[in-house]
PDB file of N, CA and C in Angstrom:
ATOM      1  N   UNK A   1      18.717 -13.360  54.442  1.00  0.00           N
ATOM      2  CA  UNK A   1      17.756 -12.444  53.652  1.00  0.00           C
ATOM      3  C   UNK A   1      18.107 -11.361  52.914  1.00  0.00           C
ATOM      4  N   UNK A   2      19.083 -10.550  53.483  1.00  0.00           N
ATOM      5  CA  UNK A   2      19.737  -9.545  53.037  1.00  0.00           C
ATOM      6  C   UNK A   2      20.121  -9.580  51.404  1.00  0.00           C
ATOM      7  N   UNK A   3      20.651 -10.732  51.114  1.00  0.00           N
ATOM      8  CA  UNK A   3      21.534 -11.109  49.830  1.00  0.00           C
ATOM      9  C   UNK A   3      20.518 -11.418  48.905  1.00  0.00           C
ATOM     10  N   UNK A   4      19.288 -12.044  48.911  1.00  0.00           N
ATOM     11  CA  UNK A   4      18.476 -11.848  47.789  1.00  0.00           C
ATOM     12  C   UNK A   4      17.559 -11.003  47.564  1.00  0.00           C
ATOM     13  N   UNK A   5      17.308  -9.928  48.530  1.00  0.00           N
ATOM     14  CA  UNK A   5      16.903  -9.065  48.454  1.00  0.00           C
ATOM     15  C   UNK A   5      17.646  -7.740  47.353  1.00  0.00           C
ATOM     16  N   UNK A   6      18.731  -7.907  48.088  1.00  0.00           N
ATOM     17  CA  UNK A   6      20.010  -6.667  46.722  1.00  0.00           C
ATOM     18  C   UNK A   6      20.169  -8.005  45.474  1.00  0.00           C
ATOM     19  N   UNK A   7      20.266  -8.791  45.792  1.00  0.00           N
ATOM     20  CA  UNK A   7      19.941  -9.523  44.407  1.00  0.00           C
ATOM     21  C   UNK A   7      18.866  -9.173  43.305  1.00  0.00           C
ATOM     22  N   UNK A   8      17.621  -8.971  43.758  1.00  0.00           N
ATOM     23  CA  UNK A   8      16.191  -9.017  43.153  1.00  0.00           C
ATOM     24  C   UNK A   8      16.633  -7.159  42.724  1.00  0.00           C
ATOM     25  N   UNK A   9      16.796  -6.426  43.750  1.00  0.00           N
ATOM     26  CA  UNK A   9      17.205  -5.172  43.451  1.00  0.00           C
ATOM     27  C   UNK A   9      18.359  -4.627  42.697  1.00  0.00           C
ATOM     28  N   UNK A  10      19.402  -5.350  42.000  1.00  0.00           N
ATOM     29  CA  UNK A  10      20.287  -5.119  41.755  1.00  0.00           C
ATOM     30  C   UNK A  10      19.524  -5.400  40.080  1.00  0.00           C
ATOM     31  N   UNK A  11      19.134  -6.841  39.916  1.00  0.00           N
ATOM     32  CA  UNK A  11      17.998  -7.474  38.790  1.00  0.00           C
ATOM     33  C   UNK A  11      17.491  -6.505  38.137  1.00  0.00           C
ATOM     34  N   UNK A  12      16.258  -5.938  39.111  1.00  0.00           N
ATOM     35  CA  UNK A  12      15.424  -4.827  38.928  1.00  0.00           C
ATOM     36  C   UNK A  12      15.874  -4.097  38.043  1.00  0.00           C
ATOM     37  N   UNK A  13      16.720  -3.076  38.755  1.00  0.00           N
ATOM     38  CA  UNK A  13      17.928  -2.069  37.851  1.00  0.00           C
ATOM     39  C   UNK A  13      18.354  -2.260  36.733  1.00  0.00           C
ATOM     40  N   UNK A  14      19.311  -3.630  36.780  1.00  0.00           N
ATOM     41  CA  UNK A  14      19.856  -3.696  35.289  1.00  0.00           C
ATOM     42  C   UNK A  14      18.773  -3.858  34.249  1.00  0.00           C
ATOM     43  N   UNK A  15      17.313  -4.217  34.600  1.00  0.00           N
ATOM     44  CA  UNK A  15      16.291  -4.764  33.593  1.00  0.00           C
ATOM     45  C   UNK A  15      15.979  -2.901  33.077  1.00  0.00           C
ATOM     46  N   UNK A  16      15.654  -2.543  34.009  1.00  0.00           N
ATOM     47  CA  UNK A  16      15.601  -1.130  33.992  1.00  0.00           C
ATOM     48  C   UNK A  16      16.480  -0.086  33.037  1.00  0.00           C
ATOM     49  N   UNK A  17      17.644  -0.463  33.197  1.00  0.00           N
ATOM     50  CA  UNK A  17      18.390   0.018  32.476  1.00  0.00           C
ATOM     51  C   UNK A  17      18.822  -0.149  30.938  1.00  0.00           C
ATOM     52  N   UNK A  18      18.304  -1.561  31.104  1.00  0.00           N
ATOM     53  CA  UNK A  18      18.496  -2.219  29.645  1.00  0.00           C
ATOM     54  C   UNK A  18      17.223  -0.890  28.244  1.00  0.00           C
ATOM     55  N   UNK A  19      16.146  -0.892  29.032  1.00  0.00           N
ATOM     56  CA  UNK A  19      15.680  -0.154  27.949  1.00  0.00           C
ATOM     57  C   UNK A  19      15.938   0.886  27.874  1.00  0.00           C
ATOM     58  N   UNK A  20      16.618   1.294  28.746  1.00  0.00           N
ATOM     59  CA  UNK A  20      17.745   2.913  28.236  1.00  0.00           C
ATOM     60  C   UNK A  20      18.382   2.867  26.532  1.00  0.00           C
ATOM     61  N   UNK A  21      18.851   1.532  27.097  1.00  0.00           N
ATOM     62  CA  UNK A  21      20.189   1.554  25.636  1.00  0.00           C
ATOM     63  C   UNK A  21      19.630   1.102  24.636  1.00  0.00           C
ATOM     64  N   UNK A  22      18.304   1.482  24.150  1.00  0.00           N
ATOM     65  CA  UNK A  22      18.023   1.435  23.018  1.00  0.00           C
ATOM     66  C   UNK A  22      18.359   2.167  21.629  1.00  0.00           C
ATOM     67  N   UNK A  23      18.640   1.664  20.785  1.00  0.00           N
ATOM     68  CA  UNK A  23      19.512   2.207  19.419  1.00  0.00           C
ATOM     69  C   UNK A  23      18.764   2.874  19.029  1.00  0.00           C
ATOM     70  N   UNK A  24      18.961   4.387  18.551  1.00  0.00           N
ATOM     71  CA  UNK A  24      17.990   5.476  17.926  1.00  0.00           C
ATOM     72  C   UNK A  24      17.591   4.542  16.401  1.00  0.00           C
ATOM     73  N   UNK A  25      16.170   4.750  16.008  1.00  0.00           N
ATOM     74  CA  UNK A  25      15.772   3.984  14.724  1.00  0.00           C
ATOM     75  C   UNK A  25      15.525   4.999  13.370  1.00  0.00           C
ATOM     76  N   UNK A  26      17.141   5.899  13.123  1.00  0.00           N
ATOM     77  CA  UNK A  26      17.162   6.866  11.710  1.00  0.00           C
ATOM     78  C   UNK A  26      17.273   6.123  10.681  1.00  0.00           C
ATOM     79  N   UNK A  27      16.449   6.614  10.075  1.00  0.00           N
ATOM     80  CA  UNK A  27      16.447   5.813   8.885  1.00  0.00           C
ATOM     81  C   UNK A  27      17.899   6.275   7.765  1.00  0.00           C
ATOM     82  N   UNK A  28      18.669   5.521   7.240  1.00  0.00           N
ATOM     83  CA  UNK A  28      19.401   5.477   6.849  1.00  0.00           C
ATOM     84  C   UNK A  28      19.153   6.316   5.439  1.00  0.00           C
ATOM     85  N   UNK A  29      19.464   6.914   4.490  1.00  0.00           N
ATOM     86  CA  UNK A  29      19.349   7.377   3.439  1.00  0.00           C
ATOM     87  C   UNK A  29      18.621   8.080   2.849  1.00  0.00           C
ATOM     88  N   UNK A  30      17.760   8.573   3.694  1.00  0.00           N
ATOM     89  CA  UNK A  30      16.917   9.322   3.523  1.00  0.00           C
ATOM     90  C   UNK A  30      17.015  10.699   3.560  1.00  0.00           C
ATOM     91  N   UNK A  31      16.692  11.399   2.710  1.00  0.00           N
ATOM     92  CA  UNK A  31      16.883  12.805   2.842  1.00  0.00           C
ATOM     93  C   UNK A  31      15.994  14.195   2.851  1.00  0.00           C
ATOM     94  N   UNK A  32      16.127  14.220   3.788  1.00  0.00           N
ATOM     95  CA  UNK A  32      14.748  15.536   4.741  1.00  0.00           C
ATOM     96  C   UNK A  32      14.672  16.940   3.710  1.00  0.00           C
ATOM     97  N   UNK A  33      16.027  17.235   2.795  1.00  0.00           N
ATOM     98  CA  UNK A  33      15.781  18.431   2.404  1.00  0.00           C
ATOM     99  C   UNK A  33      15.529  18.397   1.080  1.00  0.00           C
ATOM    100  N   UNK A  34      14.998  17.452   0.990  1.00  0.00           N
ATOM    101  CA  UNK A  34      13.919  17.766  -0.548  1.00  0.00           C
ATOM    102  C   UNK A  34      12.482  17.430  -0.907  1.00  0.00           C
ATOM    103  N   UNK A  35      11.888  18.396  -1.384  1.00  0.00           N
ATOM    104  CA  UNK A  35      10.044  18.546  -1.594  1.00  0.00           C
ATOM    105  C   UNK A  35      10.104  17.047  -1.937  1.00  0.00           C
ATOM    106  N   UNK A  36       8.583  16.803  -1.114  1.00  0.00           N
ATOM    107  CA  UNK A  36       7.824  15.607  -2.133  1.00  0.00           C
ATOM    108  C   UNK A  36       7.997  15.147  -3.196  1.00  0.00           C
ATOM    109  N   UNK A  37       7.698  16.742  -4.149  1.00  0.00           N
ATOM    110  CA  UNK A  37       7.508  16.220  -5.543  1.00  0.00           C
ATOM    111  C   UNK A  37       8.802  15.914  -6.232  1.00  0.00           C
ATOM    112  N   UNK A  38       9.827  16.138  -5.491  1.00  0.00           N
ATOM    113  CA  UNK A  38      11.126  15.681  -6.571  1.00  0.00           C
ATOM    114  C   UNK A  38      11.316  14.930  -7.330  1.00  0.00           C
ATOM    115  N   UNK A  39      10.923  13.689  -6.046  1.00  0.00           N
ATOM    116  CA  UNK A  39      11.368  12.649  -6.790  1.00  0.00           C
ATOM    117  C   UNK A  39      11.325  11.487  -5.704  1.00  0.00           C
ATOM    118  N   UNK A  40      11.202   9.877  -6.076  1.00  0.00           N
ATOM    119  CA  UNK A  40      11.405   9.092  -5.030  1.00  0.00           C
ATOM    120  C   UNK A  40      12.734   7.532  -6.050  1.00  0.00           C
ATOM    121  N   UNK A  41      12.650   6.807  -4.897  1.00  0.00           N
ATOM    122  CA  UNK A  41      13.530   5.886  -5.357  1.00  0.00           C
ATOM    123  C   UNK A  41      13.073   4.681  -5.471  1.00  0.00           C
ATOM    124  N   UNK A  42      11.668   4.195  -5.527  1.00  0.00           N
ATOM    125  CA  UNK A  42      11.342   3.203  -5.405  1.00  0.00           C
ATOM    126  C   UNK A  42      10.309   2.836  -6.541  1.00  0.00           C
ATOM    127  N   UNK A  43       9.929   2.162  -6.647  1.00  0.00           N
ATOM    128  CA  UNK A  43       8.536   1.706  -6.929  1.00  0.00           C
ATOM    129  C   UNK A  43       7.143   2.069  -6.718  1.00  0.00           C
ATOM    130  N   UNK A  44       6.883   2.924  -5.819  1.00  0.00           N
ATOM    131  CA  UNK A  44       5.616   3.114  -4.904  1.00  0.00           C
ATOM    132  C   UNK A  44       4.928   4.609  -5.872  1.00  0.00           C
ATOM    133  N   UNK A  45       5.836   4.746  -7.100  1.00  0.00           N
ATOM    134  CA  UNK A  45       5.573   6.312  -7.264  1.00  0.00           C
ATOM    135  C   UNK A  45       4.323   6.005  -8.477  1.00  0.00           C
ATOM    136  N   UNK A  46       2.725   6.746  -8.619  1.00  0.00           N
ATOM    137  CA  UNK A  46       1.815   6.624  -9.150  1.00  0.00           C
ATOM    138  C   UNK A  46       2.226   6.329 -10.823  1.00  0.00           C
ATOM    139  N   UNK A  47       1.745   5.758 -11.618  1.00  0.00           N
ATOM    140  CA  UNK A  47       1.916   5.612 -13.130  1.00  0.00           C
ATOM    141  C   UNK A  47       1.801   6.957 -13.638  1.00  0.00           C
ATOM    142  N   UNK A  48       2.349   7.339 -14.790  1.00  0.00           N
ATOM    143  CA  UNK A  48       2.377   8.416 -15.319  1.00  0.00           C
ATOM    144  C   UNK A  48       2.887   9.380 -14.537  1.00  0.00           C
ATOM    145  N   UNK A  49       3.459   9.928 -13.853  1.00  0.00           N
ATOM    146  CA  UNK A  49       3.776  10.688 -12.486  1.00  0.00           C
ATOM    147  C   UNK A  49       5.628  10.975 -13.225  1.00  0.00           C
ATOM    148  N   UNK A  50       6.028  11.804 -13.128  1.00  0.00           N
ATOM    149  CA  UNK A  50       7.140  12.345 -12.890  1.00  0.00           C
ATOM    150  C   UNK A  50       7.664  12.770 -12.338  1.00  0.00           C
ATOM    151  N   UNK A  51       9.065  12.421 -12.150  1.00  0.00           N
ATOM    152  CA  UNK A  51       9.929  13.582 -10.684  1.00  0.00           C
ATOM    153  C   UNK A  51      10.033  14.859 -11.030  1.00  0.00           C
ATOM    154  N   UNK A  52      10.099  15.694  -9.836  1.00  0.00           N
ATOM    155  CA  UNK A  52      10.358  17.132 -10.537  1.00  0.00           C
ATOM    156  C   UNK A  52       9.181  18.202 -11.050  1.00  0.00           C
ATOM    157  N   UNK A  53       8.180  16.878 -11.537  1.00  0.00           N
ATOM    158  CA  UNK A  53       7.207  17.936 -11.622  1.00  0.00           C
ATOM    159  C   UNK A  53       6.101  18.393 -10.744  1.00  0.00           C
ATOM    160  N   UNK A  54       6.186  19.623 -10.434  1.00  0.00           N
ATOM    161  CA  UNK A  54       4.862  19.519  -9.018  1.00  0.00           C
ATOM    162  C   UNK A  54       3.713  19.591  -9.501  1.00  0.00           C
ATOM    163  N   UNK A  55       3.472  20.477 -10.793  1.00  0.00           N
ATOM    164  CA  UNK A  55       2.079  20.494 -11.115  1.00  0.00           C
ATOM    165  C   UNK A  55       1.528  19.213 -10.936  1.00  0.00           C
ATOM    166  N   UNK A  56       1.662  18.523 -11.945  1.00  0.00           N
ATOM    167  CA  UNK A  56       1.599  16.790 -11.902  1.00  0.00           C
ATOM    168  C   UNK A  56       1.353  16.573 -10.789  1.00  0.00           C
ATOM    169  N   UNK A  57       2.635  16.267  -9.491  1.00  0.00           N
ATOM    170  CA  UNK A  57       2.181  16.492  -7.996  1.00  0.00           C
ATOM    171  C   UNK A  57       1.148  16.908  -7.322  1.00  0.00           C
ATOM    172  N   UNK A  58       0.619  17.840  -7.689  1.00  0.00           N
ATOM    173  CA  UNK A  58      -0.484  18.494  -6.930  1.00  0.00           C
ATOM    174  C   UNK A  58      -1.878  17.733  -7.658  1.00  0.00           C
ATOM    175  N   UNK A  59      -1.692  17.594  -8.869  1.00  0.00           N
ATOM    176  CA  UNK A  59      -3.059  17.217  -9.363  1.00  0.00           C
ATOM    177  C   UNK A  59      -3.338  15.578  -8.955  1.00  0.00           C
ATOM    178  N   UNK A  60      -2.090  14.896  -9.004  1.00  0.00           N
ATOM    179  CA  UNK A  60      -2.094  13.478  -8.521  1.00  0.00           C
ATOM    180  C   UNK A  60      -2.848  13.750  -7.244  1.00  0.00           C
ATOM    181  N   UNK A  61      -2.193  14.418  -6.109  1.00  0.00           N
ATOM    182  CA  UNK A  61      -2.772  14.693  -4.871  1.00  0.00           C
ATOM    183  C   UNK A  61      -4.177  14.432  -4.824  1.00  0.00           C
ATOM    184  N   UNK A  62      -5.099  16.175  -5.803  1.00  0.00           N
ATOM    185  CA  UNK A  62      -6.182  16.051  -6.076  1.00  0.00           C
ATOM    186  C   UNK A  62      -7.060  14.728  -5.858  1.00  0.00           C
ATOM    187  N   UNK A  63      -6.219  14.518  -7.421  1.00  0.00           N
ATOM    188  CA  UNK A  63      -6.974  12.997  -8.216  1.00  0.00           C
ATOM    189  C   UNK A  63      -7.571  12.002  -7.010  1.00  0.00           C
ATOM    190  N   UNK A  64      -6.181  11.715  -5.963  1.00  0.00           N
ATOM    191  CA  UNK A  64      -6.423  10.743  -5.335  1.00  0.00           C
ATOM    192  C   UNK A  64      -7.583  10.525  -3.924  1.00  0.00           C
ATOM    193  N   UNK A  65      -7.439  12.182  -3.702  1.00  0.00           N
ATOM    194  CA  UNK A  65      -8.207  12.557  -2.774  1.00  0.00           C
ATOM    195  C   UNK A  65      -9.825  12.866  -2.689  1.00  0.00           C
ATOM    196  N   UNK A  66     -10.083  12.820  -4.305  1.00  0.00           N
ATOM    197  CA  UNK A  66     -11.572  12.853  -4.775  1.00  0.00           C
ATOM    198  C   UNK A  66     -11.942  11.315  -5.051  1.00  0.00           C
ATOM    199  N   UNK A  67     -11.038  10.263  -5.463  1.00  0.00           N
ATOM    200  CA  UNK A  67     -11.291   9.235  -6.185  1.00  0.00           C
ATOM    201  C   UNK A  67     -11.601   8.479  -4.842  1.00  0.00           C
ATOM    202  N   UNK A  68     -10.047   8.488  -4.079  1.00  0.00           N
ATOM    203  CA  UNK A  68     -10.218   7.506  -2.974  1.00  0.00           C
ATOM    204  C   UNK A  68     -10.846   8.050  -1.725  1.00  0.00           C
ATOM    205  N   UNK A  69     -10.991   9.120  -1.414  1.00  0.00           N
ATOM    206  CA  UNK A  69     -11.225   9.706   0.199  1.00  0.00           C
ATOM    207  C   UNK A  69     -11.985  10.046   0.409  1.00  0.00           C
ATOM    208  N   UNK A  70     -12.998  10.411  -0.397  1.00  0.00           N
ATOM    209  CA  UNK A  70     -14.033  11.082  -0.585  1.00  0.00           C
ATOM    210  C   UNK A  70     -15.244  10.456  -0.607  1.00  0.00           C
ATOM    211  N   UNK A  71     -16.282  10.556   0.710  1.00  0.00           N
ATOM    212  CA  UNK A  71     -16.526   9.065   0.806  1.00  0.00           C
ATOM    213  C   UNK A  71     -18.066   9.655   0.174  1.00  0.00           C
ATOM    214  N   UNK A  72     -18.656  10.988  -0.493  1.00  0.00           N
ATOM    215  CA  UNK A  72     -19.429  11.339  -0.755  1.00  0.00           C
ATOM    216  C   UNK A  72     -19.544  11.119  -2.456  1.00  0.00           C
ATOM    217  N   UNK A  73     -18.091  10.558  -3.116  1.00  0.00           N
ATOM    218  CA  UNK A  73     -18.035   9.743  -4.507  1.00  0.00           C
ATOM    219  C   UNK A  73     -18.139   8.511  -4.375  1.00  0.00           C
ATOM    220  N   UNK A  74     -18.035   7.712  -3.255  1.00  0.00           N
ATOM    221  CA  UNK A  74     -17.689   6.676  -2.803  1.00  0.00           C
ATOM    222  C   UNK A  74     -18.964   5.992  -2.845  1.00  0.00           C
ATOM    223  N   UNK A  75     -19.906   6.796  -1.923  1.00  0.00           N
ATOM    224  CA  UNK A  75     -21.508   5.984  -1.979  1.00  0.00           C
ATOM    225  C   UNK A  75     -22.193   6.092  -2.804  1.00  0.00           C
ATOM    226  N   UNK A  76     -22.949   4.878  -3.897  1.00  0.00           N
ATOM    227  CA  UNK A  76     -23.484   4.383  -4.580  1.00  0.00           C
ATOM    228  C   UNK A  76     -24.841   4.743  -4.226  1.00  0.00           C
TER     229      UNK A  76
END
């Protein structure tokens, strides 16, 4: 009677400890010390935008906010 209870307690403790062993989900290769307008390394940049151009970056954000996220402009 005592052995099955101890086995169940041991299994429960083992399952609880396996949840603590999750590996950290850090993104390898991502630099956090560079400003957002400095550039991207993928093809998701807006067409016509050049890396390092802060004015163009700010203008793109304003345009995207006005055209895509402003409900007053979207309602016809």
